[in-house]
Amino acid sequence: MYKNRAFLIPVFLLILAMLACGSQPAGTPVPNLAASAVAQTVTALLVPGNTATNTPVPATVNPATDTPIPATLAAPTDTAVGSPTQVCDQAQFISETIPDGTSEPPTGGFTKTWRLKNTGACTWTTSYAVVFQSGITLGAPSAIAFTGNVPPGQEVDVSANMEAPAATGEYTSTWTLRNAAGVLFGLGPSNGPFWVKIKVVCPAQPCPGRP
């Protein structure tokens, strides 16, 4: 095979010479494209095992996919529901002395005591007071200040020195609470008042000093 290629060399050289002496006018430079092609062919034949191939290299094509991209979903959160805001000033009635309808003699003195519980979020200071709201004062001052602080959840006794009227009959004295800012508040969410109710009667008839 190599000997055959060597025999072909003079043939290609002859073709090269003929192309160089072609019919082009003298003095006109012509690109010797054919000579270059022949030279390249001769070189290829002289190199053993050099076989030219025109086999195209197949391109690598990635197959298209229809796989959808999953959407990112936010994880559900458990939002804690906050408890309702606690009221600053609120009270609860616990007990009392001098129950409603207690009989008192005319002009007789007595002490009314209410036990109250601080069910609000704010401390009752000495600037807080129990104050008269309606009815008659029964001889008590119109405001009775706390003598100490009452924190939330604590109970306190509030006492008022009173006096029954001279005339017989039924009497009601209504009271409530007042905070340091002068705002009135009472029992429970409805801010209801508390009171003292007495009945003035003569222990004997006729009453002393009365017809």
N, C-alpha and C. Protein backbone atom coordinates (compact mmCIF):
# COMPACT_ATOMS: atom_id res chain seq x y z
N MET A 1 0.84 -1.20 0.00
CA MET A 1 0.00 0.00 0.00
C MET A 1 0.88 1.24 0.00
N TYR A 2 1.95 1.24 0.78
CA TYR A 2 2.85 2.38 0.83
C TYR A 2 3.58 2.59 -0.48
N LYS A 3 3.94 1.47 -1.17
CA LYS A 3 4.61 1.58 -2.46
C LYS A 3 3.70 2.22 -3.49
N ASN A 4 2.45 1.92 -3.46
CA ASN A 4 1.51 2.53 -4.41
C ASN A 4 1.43 4.03 -4.20
N ARG A 5 1.47 4.43 -2.95
CA ARG A 5 1.41 5.88 -2.69
C ARG A 5 2.68 6.57 -3.21
N ALA A 6 3.82 5.91 -3.04
CA ALA A 6 5.08 6.49 -3.55
C ALA A 6 5.07 6.61 -5.07
N PHE A 7 4.44 5.71 -5.79
CA PHE A 7 4.34 5.77 -7.23
C PHE A 7 3.50 6.95 -7.70
N LEU A 8 2.54 7.31 -6.88
CA LEU A 8 1.64 8.41 -7.26
C LEU A 8 2.27 9.77 -7.09
N ILE A 9 3.38 9.85 -6.38
CA ILE A 9 3.98 11.18 -6.15
C ILE A 9 4.41 11.84 -7.44
N PRO A 10 5.12 11.17 -8.37
CA PRO A 10 5.50 11.85 -9.61
C PRO A 10 4.29 12.31 -10.41
N VAL A 11 3.19 11.54 -10.34
CA VAL A 11 1.99 11.92 -11.08
C VAL A 11 1.46 13.24 -10.57
N PHE A 12 1.39 13.37 -9.27
CA PHE A 12 0.85 14.62 -8.70
C PHE A 12 1.79 15.78 -8.94
N LEU A 13 3.10 15.51 -8.96
CA LEU A 13 4.05 16.59 -9.25
C LEU A 13 3.90 17.08 -10.68
N LEU A 14 3.61 16.14 -11.57
CA LEU A 14 3.41 16.52 -12.96
C LEU A 14 2.16 17.37 -13.11
N ILE A 15 1.12 16.97 -12.41
CA ILE A 15 -0.13 17.77 -12.47
C ILE A 15 0.12 19.16 -11.90
N LEU A 16 0.95 19.21 -10.90
CA LEU A 16 1.25 20.50 -10.28
C LEU A 16 1.99 21.40 -11.25
N ALA A 17 2.90 20.85 -11.99
CA ALA A 17 3.66 21.64 -12.96
C ALA A 17 2.77 22.14 -14.07
N MET A 18 1.86 21.30 -14.52
CA MET A 18 0.95 21.70 -15.61
C MET A 18 0.04 22.83 -15.15
N LEU A 19 -0.41 22.74 -13.92
CA LEU A 19 -1.28 23.81 -13.42
C LEU A 19 -0.51 25.11 -13.29
N ALA A 20 0.77 24.98 -12.94
CA ALA A 20 1.56 26.21 -12.79
C ALA A 20 1.81 26.87 -14.13
N CYS A 21 1.88 26.12 -15.22
CA CYS A 21 2.15 26.66 -16.55
C CYS A 21 0.87 26.71 -17.37
N GLY A 22 -0.18 27.08 -16.81
CA GLY A 22 -1.47 27.11 -17.51
C GLY A 22 -1.58 28.26 -18.46
N SER A 23 -2.81 28.56 -18.82
CA SER A 23 -3.09 29.56 -19.85
C SER A 23 -3.24 30.95 -19.31
N GLN A 24 -2.79 31.24 -18.04
CA GLN A 24 -2.91 32.59 -17.49
C GLN A 24 -1.90 33.49 -18.16
N PRO A 25 -2.22 34.73 -18.38
CA PRO A 25 -1.27 35.65 -18.98
C PRO A 25 -0.05 35.79 -18.12
N ALA A 26 1.09 36.08 -18.81
CA ALA A 26 2.35 36.23 -18.09
C ALA A 26 2.30 37.44 -17.20
N GLY A 27 2.87 37.35 -16.05
CA GLY A 27 2.94 38.48 -15.12
C GLY A 27 1.73 38.63 -14.23
N THR A 28 0.70 37.76 -14.40
CA THR A 28 -0.52 37.88 -13.58
C THR A 28 -0.45 36.88 -12.46
N PRO A 29 -0.34 37.35 -11.20
CA PRO A 29 -0.27 36.40 -10.07
C PRO A 29 -1.61 35.75 -9.83
N VAL A 30 -1.60 34.46 -9.75
CA VAL A 30 -2.85 33.72 -9.51
C VAL A 30 -2.64 32.88 -8.28
N PRO A 31 -3.55 32.92 -7.38
CA PRO A 31 -3.42 32.06 -6.17
C PRO A 31 -3.34 30.61 -6.59
N ASN A 32 -2.28 29.97 -6.20
CA ASN A 32 -2.04 28.58 -6.60
C ASN A 32 -2.82 27.67 -5.66
N LEU A 33 -4.19 27.74 -5.75
CA LEU A 33 -5.06 26.94 -4.88
C LEU A 33 -4.97 25.48 -5.23
N ALA A 34 -4.89 25.18 -6.55
CA ALA A 34 -4.84 23.77 -6.96
C ALA A 34 -3.56 23.13 -6.49
N ALA A 35 -2.43 23.89 -6.58
CA ALA A 35 -1.14 23.34 -6.15
C ALA A 35 -1.17 23.03 -4.68
N SER A 36 -1.79 23.93 -3.91
CA SER A 36 -1.88 23.68 -2.47
C SER A 36 -2.68 22.45 -2.19
N ALA A 37 -3.79 22.25 -2.92
CA ALA A 37 -4.63 21.08 -2.70
C ALA A 37 -3.88 19.81 -3.02
N VAL A 38 -3.07 19.84 -4.14
CA VAL A 38 -2.32 18.65 -4.53
C VAL A 38 -1.26 18.33 -3.50
N ALA A 39 -0.59 19.41 -2.98
CA ALA A 39 0.45 19.19 -1.99
C ALA A 39 -0.11 18.56 -0.74
N GLN A 40 -1.27 19.04 -0.33
CA GLN A 40 -1.89 18.47 0.86
C GLN A 40 -2.27 17.02 0.63
N THR A 41 -2.71 16.68 -0.57
CA THR A 41 -3.09 15.30 -0.88
C THR A 41 -1.89 14.38 -0.84
N VAL A 42 -0.74 14.88 -1.40
CA VAL A 42 0.49 14.08 -1.41
C VAL A 42 0.95 13.81 0.01
N THR A 43 0.90 14.87 0.85
CA THR A 43 1.32 14.70 2.25
C THR A 43 0.49 13.67 2.95
N ALA A 44 -0.81 13.70 2.68
CA ALA A 44 -1.71 12.74 3.32
C ALA A 44 -1.40 11.33 2.89
N LEU A 45 -0.99 11.13 1.58
CA LEU A 45 -0.71 9.79 1.09
C LEU A 45 0.60 9.25 1.65
N LEU A 46 1.55 10.17 1.95
CA LEU A 46 2.85 9.73 2.44
C LEU A 46 2.81 9.32 3.90
N VAL A 47 1.84 9.81 4.64
CA VAL A 47 1.78 9.48 6.07
C VAL A 47 1.01 8.19 6.23
N PRO A 48 1.71 7.13 6.74
CA PRO A 48 1.03 5.83 6.88
C PRO A 48 -0.10 5.91 7.90
N GLY A 49 -1.15 5.23 7.56
CA GLY A 49 -2.28 5.15 8.49
C GLY A 49 -3.09 6.40 8.58
N ASN A 50 -2.77 7.43 7.77
CA ASN A 50 -3.52 8.68 7.83
C ASN A 50 -4.68 8.58 6.86
N THR A 51 -5.81 8.32 7.32
CA THR A 51 -7.00 8.17 6.49
C THR A 51 -7.96 9.30 6.79
N ALA A 52 -8.26 10.12 5.79
CA ALA A 52 -9.18 11.25 5.99
C ALA A 52 -10.59 10.74 6.10
N THR A 53 -11.28 11.28 7.01
CA THR A 53 -12.69 10.91 7.19
C THR A 53 -13.53 12.16 7.18
N ASN A 54 -14.69 12.03 6.64
CA ASN A 54 -15.67 13.12 6.60
C ASN A 54 -16.91 12.77 7.43
N THR A 55 -16.71 11.84 8.35
CA THR A 55 -17.87 11.43 9.15
C THR A 55 -18.21 12.51 10.16
N PRO A 56 -19.36 13.12 10.07
CA PRO A 56 -19.72 14.19 11.02
C PRO A 56 -19.90 13.62 12.43
N VAL A 57 -19.50 14.42 13.39
CA VAL A 57 -19.68 14.04 14.80
C VAL A 57 -21.08 14.45 15.23
N PRO A 58 -21.85 13.46 15.61
CA PRO A 58 -23.24 13.83 15.99
C PRO A 58 -23.25 14.72 17.22
N ALA A 59 -24.08 15.72 17.16
CA ALA A 59 -24.21 16.64 18.30
C ALA A 59 -25.03 15.98 19.40
N THR A 60 -24.64 16.26 20.61
CA THR A 60 -25.36 15.71 21.76
C THR A 60 -26.52 16.63 22.10
N VAL A 61 -27.70 16.10 22.00
CA VAL A 61 -28.92 16.90 22.26
C VAL A 61 -29.56 16.37 23.53
N ASN A 62 -29.75 17.25 24.48
CA ASN A 62 -30.45 16.86 25.70
C ASN A 62 -31.95 16.81 25.45
N PRO A 63 -32.58 15.68 25.75
CA PRO A 63 -34.03 15.61 25.49
C PRO A 63 -34.79 16.60 26.36
N ALA A 64 -35.78 17.19 25.73
CA ALA A 64 -36.61 18.16 26.46
C ALA A 64 -37.49 17.43 27.47
N THR A 65 -37.67 18.04 28.59
CA THR A 65 -38.51 17.44 29.63
C THR A 65 -39.70 18.34 29.90
N ASP A 66 -40.80 17.72 30.23
CA ASP A 66 -42.02 18.45 30.56
C ASP A 66 -42.31 18.42 32.05
N THR A 67 -41.27 18.13 32.83
CA THR A 67 -41.49 18.04 34.27
C THR A 67 -41.67 19.44 34.85
N PRO A 68 -42.84 19.71 35.40
CA PRO A 68 -43.06 21.07 35.94
C PRO A 68 -42.23 21.30 37.18
N ILE A 69 -41.83 22.55 37.39
CA ILE A 69 -41.09 22.92 38.60
C ILE A 69 -42.09 23.14 39.72
N PRO A 70 -41.96 22.38 40.79
CA PRO A 70 -42.96 22.52 41.86
C PRO A 70 -42.90 23.90 42.50
N ALA A 71 -44.08 24.44 42.76
CA ALA A 71 -44.15 25.75 43.41
C ALA A 71 -43.81 25.62 44.88
N THR A 72 -43.15 26.64 45.40
CA THR A 72 -42.79 26.64 46.82
C THR A 72 -43.95 27.22 47.62
N LEU A 73 -44.49 26.40 48.49
CA LEU A 73 -45.63 26.83 49.29
C LEU A 73 -45.17 27.16 50.70
N ALA A 74 -45.66 28.27 51.22
CA ALA A 74 -45.30 28.65 52.59
C ALA A 74 -45.99 27.73 53.57
N ALA A 75 -45.23 27.29 54.54
CA ALA A 75 -45.80 26.39 55.54
C ALA A 75 -46.81 27.13 56.38
N PRO A 76 -47.96 26.50 56.68
CA PRO A 76 -48.96 27.19 57.49
C PRO A 76 -48.44 27.45 58.89
N THR A 77 -48.83 28.57 59.43
CA THR A 77 -48.39 28.93 60.77
C THR A 77 -49.59 28.98 61.69
N ASP A 78 -49.36 28.58 62.90
CA ASP A 78 -50.41 28.63 63.90
C ASP A 78 -50.28 29.93 64.67
N THR A 79 -51.12 30.89 64.33
CA THR A 79 -51.08 32.18 64.99
C THR A 79 -51.86 32.10 66.28
N ALA A 80 -51.15 32.33 67.32
CA ALA A 80 -51.83 32.28 68.61
C ALA A 80 -52.76 33.46 68.77
N VAL A 81 -53.95 33.18 69.20
CA VAL A 81 -54.94 34.23 69.43
C VAL A 81 -54.72 34.78 70.82
N GLY A 82 -54.39 36.06 70.89
CA GLY A 82 -54.12 36.65 72.19
C GLY A 82 -55.38 36.78 73.03
N SER A 83 -55.21 36.74 74.33
CA SER A 83 -56.34 36.90 75.23
C SER A 83 -56.76 38.36 75.26
N PRO A 84 -58.03 38.66 75.57
CA PRO A 84 -58.49 40.04 75.62
C PRO A 84 -57.68 40.84 76.64
N THR A 85 -57.51 42.12 76.37
CA THR A 85 -56.76 42.98 77.28
C THR A 85 -57.51 43.13 78.59
N GLN A 86 -56.81 42.93 79.71
CA GLN A 86 -57.44 43.04 81.01
C GLN A 86 -57.69 44.50 81.34
N VAL A 87 -58.83 44.74 81.99
CA VAL A 87 -59.20 46.10 82.37
C VAL A 87 -58.29 46.56 83.51
N CYS A 88 -57.90 47.81 83.46
CA CYS A 88 -57.01 48.35 84.49
C CYS A 88 -57.71 48.41 85.84
N ASP A 89 -58.87 49.02 85.91
CA ASP A 89 -59.58 49.22 87.17
C ASP A 89 -60.89 48.46 87.16
N GLN A 90 -61.00 47.50 88.05
CA GLN A 90 -62.23 46.70 88.18
C GLN A 90 -62.26 46.07 89.56
N ALA A 91 -63.47 45.94 90.13
CA ALA A 91 -63.59 45.42 91.49
C ALA A 91 -64.64 44.32 91.55
N GLN A 92 -64.52 43.51 92.60
CA GLN A 92 -65.49 42.45 92.87
C GLN A 92 -65.94 42.55 94.32
N PHE A 93 -67.26 42.46 94.53
CA PHE A 93 -67.81 42.49 95.88
C PHE A 93 -67.60 41.13 96.55
N ILE A 94 -67.07 41.14 97.77
CA ILE A 94 -66.82 39.91 98.50
C ILE A 94 -67.82 39.74 99.65
N SER A 95 -67.91 40.72 100.52
CA SER A 95 -68.83 40.62 101.67
C SER A 95 -69.07 42.02 102.24
N GLU A 96 -69.93 42.09 103.26
CA GLU A 96 -70.25 43.38 103.88
C GLU A 96 -70.79 43.14 105.30
N THR A 97 -70.75 44.21 106.07
CA THR A 97 -71.46 44.23 107.36
C THR A 97 -72.74 45.03 107.16
N ILE A 98 -73.61 45.03 108.16
CA ILE A 98 -74.90 45.74 108.08
C ILE A 98 -75.64 45.30 106.82
N PRO A 99 -76.20 44.09 106.79
CA PRO A 99 -76.91 43.62 105.61
C PRO A 99 -78.08 44.53 105.24
N ASP A 100 -78.50 44.41 103.98
CA ASP A 100 -79.61 45.24 103.51
C ASP A 100 -80.86 45.00 104.38
N GLY A 101 -81.51 46.13 104.74
CA GLY A 101 -82.74 46.05 105.54
C GLY A 101 -82.51 46.00 107.03
N THR A 102 -81.27 46.18 107.47
CA THR A 102 -80.99 46.18 108.90
C THR A 102 -81.70 47.37 109.57
N SER A 103 -82.31 47.09 110.70
CA SER A 103 -83.01 48.16 111.44
C SER A 103 -82.04 48.93 112.32
N GLU A 104 -82.15 50.24 112.27
CA GLU A 104 -81.33 51.13 113.08
C GLU A 104 -82.25 52.12 113.81
N PRO A 105 -81.89 52.46 115.03
CA PRO A 105 -82.69 53.45 115.75
C PRO A 105 -82.44 54.85 115.20
N PRO A 106 -83.34 55.76 115.36
CA PRO A 106 -83.12 57.13 114.90
C PRO A 106 -81.84 57.70 115.48
N THR A 107 -81.07 58.35 114.63
CA THR A 107 -79.79 58.99 114.96
C THR A 107 -78.78 58.00 115.54
N GLY A 108 -79.01 56.72 115.35
CA GLY A 108 -78.06 55.74 115.85
C GLY A 108 -76.86 55.61 114.92
N GLY A 109 -75.71 55.52 115.52
CA GLY A 109 -74.49 55.39 114.72
C GLY A 109 -74.15 53.93 114.43
N PHE A 110 -73.51 53.68 113.32
CA PHE A 110 -73.08 52.32 112.94
C PHE A 110 -71.92 52.43 111.96
N THR A 111 -71.21 51.34 111.77
CA THR A 111 -70.08 51.29 110.83
C THR A 111 -70.39 50.28 109.73
N LYS A 112 -70.37 50.79 108.53
CA LYS A 112 -70.59 49.94 107.35
C LYS A 112 -69.23 49.58 106.76
N THR A 113 -69.00 48.27 106.53
CA THR A 113 -67.74 47.81 105.94
C THR A 113 -68.01 46.96 104.71
N TRP A 114 -67.35 47.31 103.62
CA TRP A 114 -67.41 46.50 102.39
C TRP A 114 -66.06 45.82 102.20
N ARG A 115 -66.06 44.55 101.89
CA ARG A 115 -64.82 43.87 101.51
C ARG A 115 -64.83 43.74 99.99
N LEU A 116 -63.83 44.34 99.35
CA LEU A 116 -63.74 44.37 97.90
C LEU A 116 -62.46 43.70 97.45
N LYS A 117 -62.49 43.15 96.25
CA LYS A 117 -61.31 42.51 95.65
C LYS A 117 -60.90 43.27 94.39
N ASN A 118 -59.61 43.51 94.27
CA ASN A 118 -59.08 44.17 93.07
C ASN A 118 -58.96 43.12 91.95
N THR A 119 -59.87 43.15 90.99
CA THR A 119 -59.84 42.20 89.87
C THR A 119 -59.32 42.84 88.59
N GLY A 120 -58.81 44.05 88.69
CA GLY A 120 -58.24 44.71 87.52
C GLY A 120 -56.75 44.44 87.40
N ALA A 121 -56.12 45.15 86.46
CA ALA A 121 -54.69 44.97 86.21
C ALA A 121 -53.83 46.01 86.92
N CYS A 122 -54.47 47.02 87.51
CA CYS A 122 -53.72 48.11 88.13
C CYS A 122 -53.85 48.06 89.65
N THR A 123 -52.81 48.49 90.33
CA THR A 123 -52.81 48.53 91.79
C THR A 123 -53.61 49.73 92.27
N TRP A 124 -54.44 49.49 93.28
CA TRP A 124 -55.15 50.59 93.92
C TRP A 124 -54.19 51.24 94.92
N THR A 125 -53.87 52.47 94.70
CA THR A 125 -52.96 53.21 95.58
C THR A 125 -53.77 54.04 96.57
N THR A 126 -53.07 54.78 97.40
CA THR A 126 -53.74 55.66 98.36
C THR A 126 -54.42 56.85 97.66
N SER A 127 -54.18 56.98 96.34
CA SER A 127 -54.89 58.01 95.56
C SER A 127 -56.26 57.52 95.11
N TYR A 128 -56.56 56.23 95.32
CA TYR A 128 -57.88 55.68 95.03
C TYR A 128 -58.78 55.91 96.25
N ALA A 129 -60.09 55.87 95.99
CA ALA A 129 -61.02 56.10 97.09
C ALA A 129 -62.38 55.48 96.79
N VAL A 130 -63.12 55.22 97.86
CA VAL A 130 -64.54 54.87 97.75
C VAL A 130 -65.31 56.18 97.91
N VAL A 131 -66.21 56.45 96.95
CA VAL A 131 -66.88 57.75 96.94
C VAL A 131 -68.40 57.59 96.89
N PHE A 132 -69.07 58.56 97.45
CA PHE A 132 -70.53 58.59 97.46
C PHE A 132 -71.06 58.84 96.05
N GLN A 133 -72.13 58.10 95.68
CA GLN A 133 -72.68 58.24 94.33
C GLN A 133 -74.10 58.79 94.34
N SER A 134 -75.00 58.26 95.14
CA SER A 134 -76.39 58.72 95.14
C SER A 134 -77.08 58.32 96.44
N GLY A 135 -78.29 58.88 96.65
CA GLY A 135 -79.03 58.61 97.88
C GLY A 135 -78.68 59.65 98.93
N ILE A 136 -78.40 59.22 100.14
CA ILE A 136 -77.94 60.11 101.20
C ILE A 136 -76.64 59.55 101.78
N THR A 137 -75.81 60.42 102.27
CA THR A 137 -74.51 59.99 102.79
C THR A 137 -74.62 59.29 104.13
N LEU A 138 -75.73 59.44 104.82
CA LEU A 138 -75.91 58.87 106.16
C LEU A 138 -74.81 59.33 107.11
N GLY A 139 -74.41 60.59 106.94
CA GLY A 139 -73.45 61.21 107.84
C GLY A 139 -72.00 60.84 107.54
N ALA A 140 -71.72 60.06 106.50
CA ALA A 140 -70.35 59.67 106.16
C ALA A 140 -69.71 60.71 105.26
N PRO A 141 -68.38 60.81 105.24
CA PRO A 141 -67.73 61.71 104.27
C PRO A 141 -68.02 61.24 102.85
N SER A 142 -67.96 62.16 101.89
CA SER A 142 -68.30 61.82 100.50
C SER A 142 -67.20 61.02 99.81
N ALA A 143 -66.02 60.96 100.37
CA ALA A 143 -64.90 60.18 99.81
C ALA A 143 -64.09 59.57 100.93
N ILE A 144 -63.78 58.29 100.80
CA ILE A 144 -62.99 57.57 101.80
C ILE A 144 -61.78 56.99 101.08
N ALA A 145 -60.59 57.54 101.33
CA ALA A 145 -59.38 57.12 100.62
C ALA A 145 -58.85 55.80 101.18
N PHE A 146 -58.16 55.04 100.32
CA PHE A 146 -57.50 53.81 100.77
C PHE A 146 -56.30 54.18 101.64
N THR A 147 -56.06 53.40 102.65
CA THR A 147 -54.95 53.67 103.57
C THR A 147 -53.67 52.96 103.16
N GLY A 148 -53.73 52.13 102.11
CA GLY A 148 -52.55 51.41 101.61
C GLY A 148 -52.80 50.92 100.20
N ASN A 149 -51.74 50.38 99.59
CA ASN A 149 -51.88 49.87 98.22
C ASN A 149 -52.58 48.52 98.23
N VAL A 150 -53.37 48.30 97.17
CA VAL A 150 -54.07 47.02 97.00
C VAL A 150 -53.68 46.48 95.62
N PRO A 151 -52.75 45.54 95.55
CA PRO A 151 -52.34 45.00 94.24
C PRO A 151 -53.46 44.17 93.60
N PRO A 152 -53.35 43.90 92.31
CA PRO A 152 -54.33 43.05 91.63
C PRO A 152 -54.44 41.69 92.31
N GLY A 153 -55.68 41.22 92.51
CA GLY A 153 -55.92 39.94 93.13
C GLY A 153 -56.07 40.00 94.64
N GLN A 154 -55.77 41.14 95.26
CA GLN A 154 -55.86 41.27 96.71
C GLN A 154 -57.21 41.85 97.13
N GLU A 155 -57.58 41.60 98.41
CA GLU A 155 -58.84 42.10 98.96
C GLU A 155 -58.55 43.19 99.99
N VAL A 156 -59.54 44.06 100.19
CA VAL A 156 -59.39 45.16 101.14
C VAL A 156 -60.74 45.45 101.78
N ASP A 157 -60.71 45.84 103.06
CA ASP A 157 -61.91 46.26 103.78
C ASP A 157 -61.98 47.78 103.77
N VAL A 158 -63.11 48.30 103.33
CA VAL A 158 -63.32 49.75 103.33
C VAL A 158 -64.50 50.02 104.25
N SER A 159 -64.27 50.84 105.27
CA SER A 159 -65.29 51.11 106.29
C SER A 159 -65.71 52.57 106.26
N ALA A 160 -66.99 52.81 106.54
CA ALA A 160 -67.54 54.16 106.63
C ALA A 160 -68.35 54.28 107.92
N ASN A 161 -68.04 55.28 108.70
CA ASN A 161 -68.80 55.55 109.92
C ASN A 161 -70.04 56.36 109.54
N MET A 162 -71.21 55.82 109.84
CA MET A 162 -72.47 56.43 109.41
C MET A 162 -73.41 56.65 110.60
N GLU A 163 -74.45 57.38 110.30
CA GLU A 163 -75.47 57.66 111.33
C GLU A 163 -76.84 57.61 110.68
N ALA A 164 -77.77 56.94 111.34
CA ALA A 164 -79.13 56.82 110.82
C ALA A 164 -79.85 58.17 110.94
N PRO A 165 -80.73 58.46 110.01
CA PRO A 165 -81.52 59.69 110.12
C PRO A 165 -82.45 59.67 111.35
N ALA A 166 -82.92 60.84 111.72
CA ALA A 166 -83.82 60.94 112.88
C ALA A 166 -85.21 60.43 112.54
N ALA A 167 -85.62 60.59 111.30
CA ALA A 167 -86.96 60.17 110.90
C ALA A 167 -86.98 58.70 110.54
N THR A 168 -88.09 58.05 110.88
CA THR A 168 -88.21 56.64 110.54
C THR A 168 -88.40 56.49 109.04
N GLY A 169 -88.03 55.31 108.55
CA GLY A 169 -88.18 55.04 107.12
C GLY A 169 -87.02 54.18 106.60
N GLU A 170 -87.04 53.98 105.29
CA GLU A 170 -85.99 53.18 104.65
C GLU A 170 -85.07 54.12 103.88
N TYR A 171 -83.76 53.85 103.99
CA TYR A 171 -82.77 54.73 103.38
C TYR A 171 -81.72 53.89 102.64
N THR A 172 -81.30 54.45 101.50
CA THR A 172 -80.26 53.80 100.69
C THR A 172 -79.15 54.80 100.41
N SER A 173 -77.92 54.36 100.60
CA SER A 173 -76.74 55.16 100.28
C SER A 173 -75.90 54.36 99.29
N THR A 174 -75.69 54.89 98.08
CA THR A 174 -74.98 54.16 97.01
C THR A 174 -73.57 54.73 96.84
N TRP A 175 -72.58 53.78 96.66
CA TRP A 175 -71.18 54.17 96.59
C TRP A 175 -70.50 53.47 95.41
N THR A 176 -69.34 54.00 95.03
CA THR A 176 -68.54 53.41 93.95
C THR A 176 -67.06 53.71 94.21
N LEU A 177 -66.22 53.37 93.26
CA LEU A 177 -64.77 53.58 93.39
C LEU A 177 -64.30 54.67 92.43
N ARG A 178 -63.20 55.32 92.80
CA ARG A 178 -62.60 56.37 91.97
C ARG A 178 -61.10 56.15 91.92
N ASN A 179 -60.52 56.20 90.70
CA ASN A 179 -59.07 55.98 90.56
C ASN A 179 -58.29 57.28 90.74
N ALA A 180 -56.98 57.20 90.57
CA ALA A 180 -56.13 58.36 90.81
C ALA A 180 -56.38 59.49 89.83
N ALA A 181 -56.93 59.16 88.66
CA ALA A 181 -57.22 60.19 87.65
C ALA A 181 -58.61 60.78 87.82
N GLY A 182 -59.34 60.33 88.84
CA GLY A 182 -60.68 60.86 89.07
C GLY A 182 -61.77 60.15 88.29
N VAL A 183 -61.43 59.02 87.64
CA VAL A 183 -62.41 58.26 86.85
C VAL A 183 -63.11 57.26 87.77
N LEU A 184 -64.44 57.21 87.69
CA LEU A 184 -65.22 56.30 88.51
C LEU A 184 -65.28 54.91 87.88
N PHE A 185 -65.22 53.88 88.73
CA PHE A 185 -65.41 52.51 88.27
C PHE A 185 -66.03 51.72 89.41
N GLY A 186 -66.62 50.58 89.07
CA GLY A 186 -67.34 49.83 90.10
C GLY A 186 -67.12 48.34 90.01
N LEU A 187 -68.18 47.59 90.27
CA LEU A 187 -68.10 46.14 90.37
C LEU A 187 -68.32 45.48 89.02
N GLY A 188 -67.42 44.53 88.69
CA GLY A 188 -67.59 43.72 87.49
C GLY A 188 -67.49 44.53 86.21
N PRO A 189 -67.74 43.86 85.09
CA PRO A 189 -67.67 44.54 83.79
C PRO A 189 -68.68 45.67 83.64
N SER A 190 -69.79 45.60 84.37
CA SER A 190 -70.82 46.64 84.24
C SER A 190 -70.54 47.85 85.12
N ASN A 191 -69.47 47.77 85.95
CA ASN A 191 -69.11 48.87 86.86
C ASN A 191 -70.27 49.26 87.76
N GLY A 192 -70.97 48.24 88.26
CA GLY A 192 -72.10 48.51 89.15
C GLY A 192 -71.66 49.04 90.50
N PRO A 193 -72.53 49.77 91.19
CA PRO A 193 -72.21 50.34 92.50
C PRO A 193 -72.43 49.32 93.63
N PHE A 194 -72.12 49.70 94.83
CA PHE A 194 -72.45 48.94 96.04
C PHE A 194 -73.09 49.93 97.01
N TRP A 195 -73.74 49.45 98.05
CA TRP A 195 -74.57 50.35 98.84
C TRP A 195 -74.77 49.85 100.26
N VAL A 196 -75.47 50.69 101.01
CA VAL A 196 -75.96 50.34 102.34
C VAL A 196 -77.45 50.69 102.37
N LYS A 197 -78.26 49.75 102.85
CA LYS A 197 -79.71 49.97 102.96
C LYS A 197 -80.14 49.67 104.39
N ILE A 198 -80.71 50.67 105.02
CA ILE A 198 -81.16 50.49 106.42
C ILE A 198 -82.63 50.91 106.56
N LYS A 199 -83.20 50.48 107.67
CA LYS A 199 -84.57 50.86 108.01
C LYS A 199 -84.53 51.49 109.41
N VAL A 200 -84.92 52.74 109.48
CA VAL A 200 -84.93 53.45 110.77
C VAL A 200 -86.27 53.18 111.45
N VAL A 201 -86.19 52.59 112.62
CA VAL A 201 -87.42 52.26 113.37
C VAL A 201 -87.20 52.64 114.84
N CYS A 202 -88.33 52.86 115.51
CA CYS A 202 -88.25 53.11 116.94
C CYS A 202 -88.29 51.81 117.70
N PRO A 203 -87.40 51.60 118.64
CA PRO A 203 -87.42 50.35 119.40
C PRO A 203 -88.67 50.23 120.27
N ALA A 204 -89.32 51.36 120.51
CA ALA A 204 -90.56 51.34 121.31
C ALA A 204 -91.45 52.47 120.81
N GLN A 205 -92.72 52.34 121.02
CA GLN A 205 -93.67 53.36 120.57
C GLN A 205 -94.22 54.11 121.77
N PRO A 206 -94.36 55.44 121.70
CA PRO A 206 -93.77 56.27 120.65
C PRO A 206 -92.27 56.39 120.82
N CYS A 207 -91.59 56.86 119.77
CA CYS A 207 -90.15 57.03 119.84
C CYS A 207 -89.85 58.14 120.84
N PRO A 208 -88.78 57.96 121.59
CA PRO A 208 -88.41 59.03 122.53
C PRO A 208 -88.13 60.34 121.78
N GLY A 209 -88.73 61.39 122.28
CA GLY A 209 -88.51 62.70 121.69
C GLY A 209 -89.34 62.92 120.46
N ARG A 210 -90.27 61.99 120.13
CA ARG A 210 -91.10 62.16 118.96
C ARG A 210 -92.55 61.95 119.37
N PRO A 211 -93.42 62.62 118.68
CA PRO A 211 -94.85 62.46 119.03
C PRO A 211 -95.35 61.05 118.76
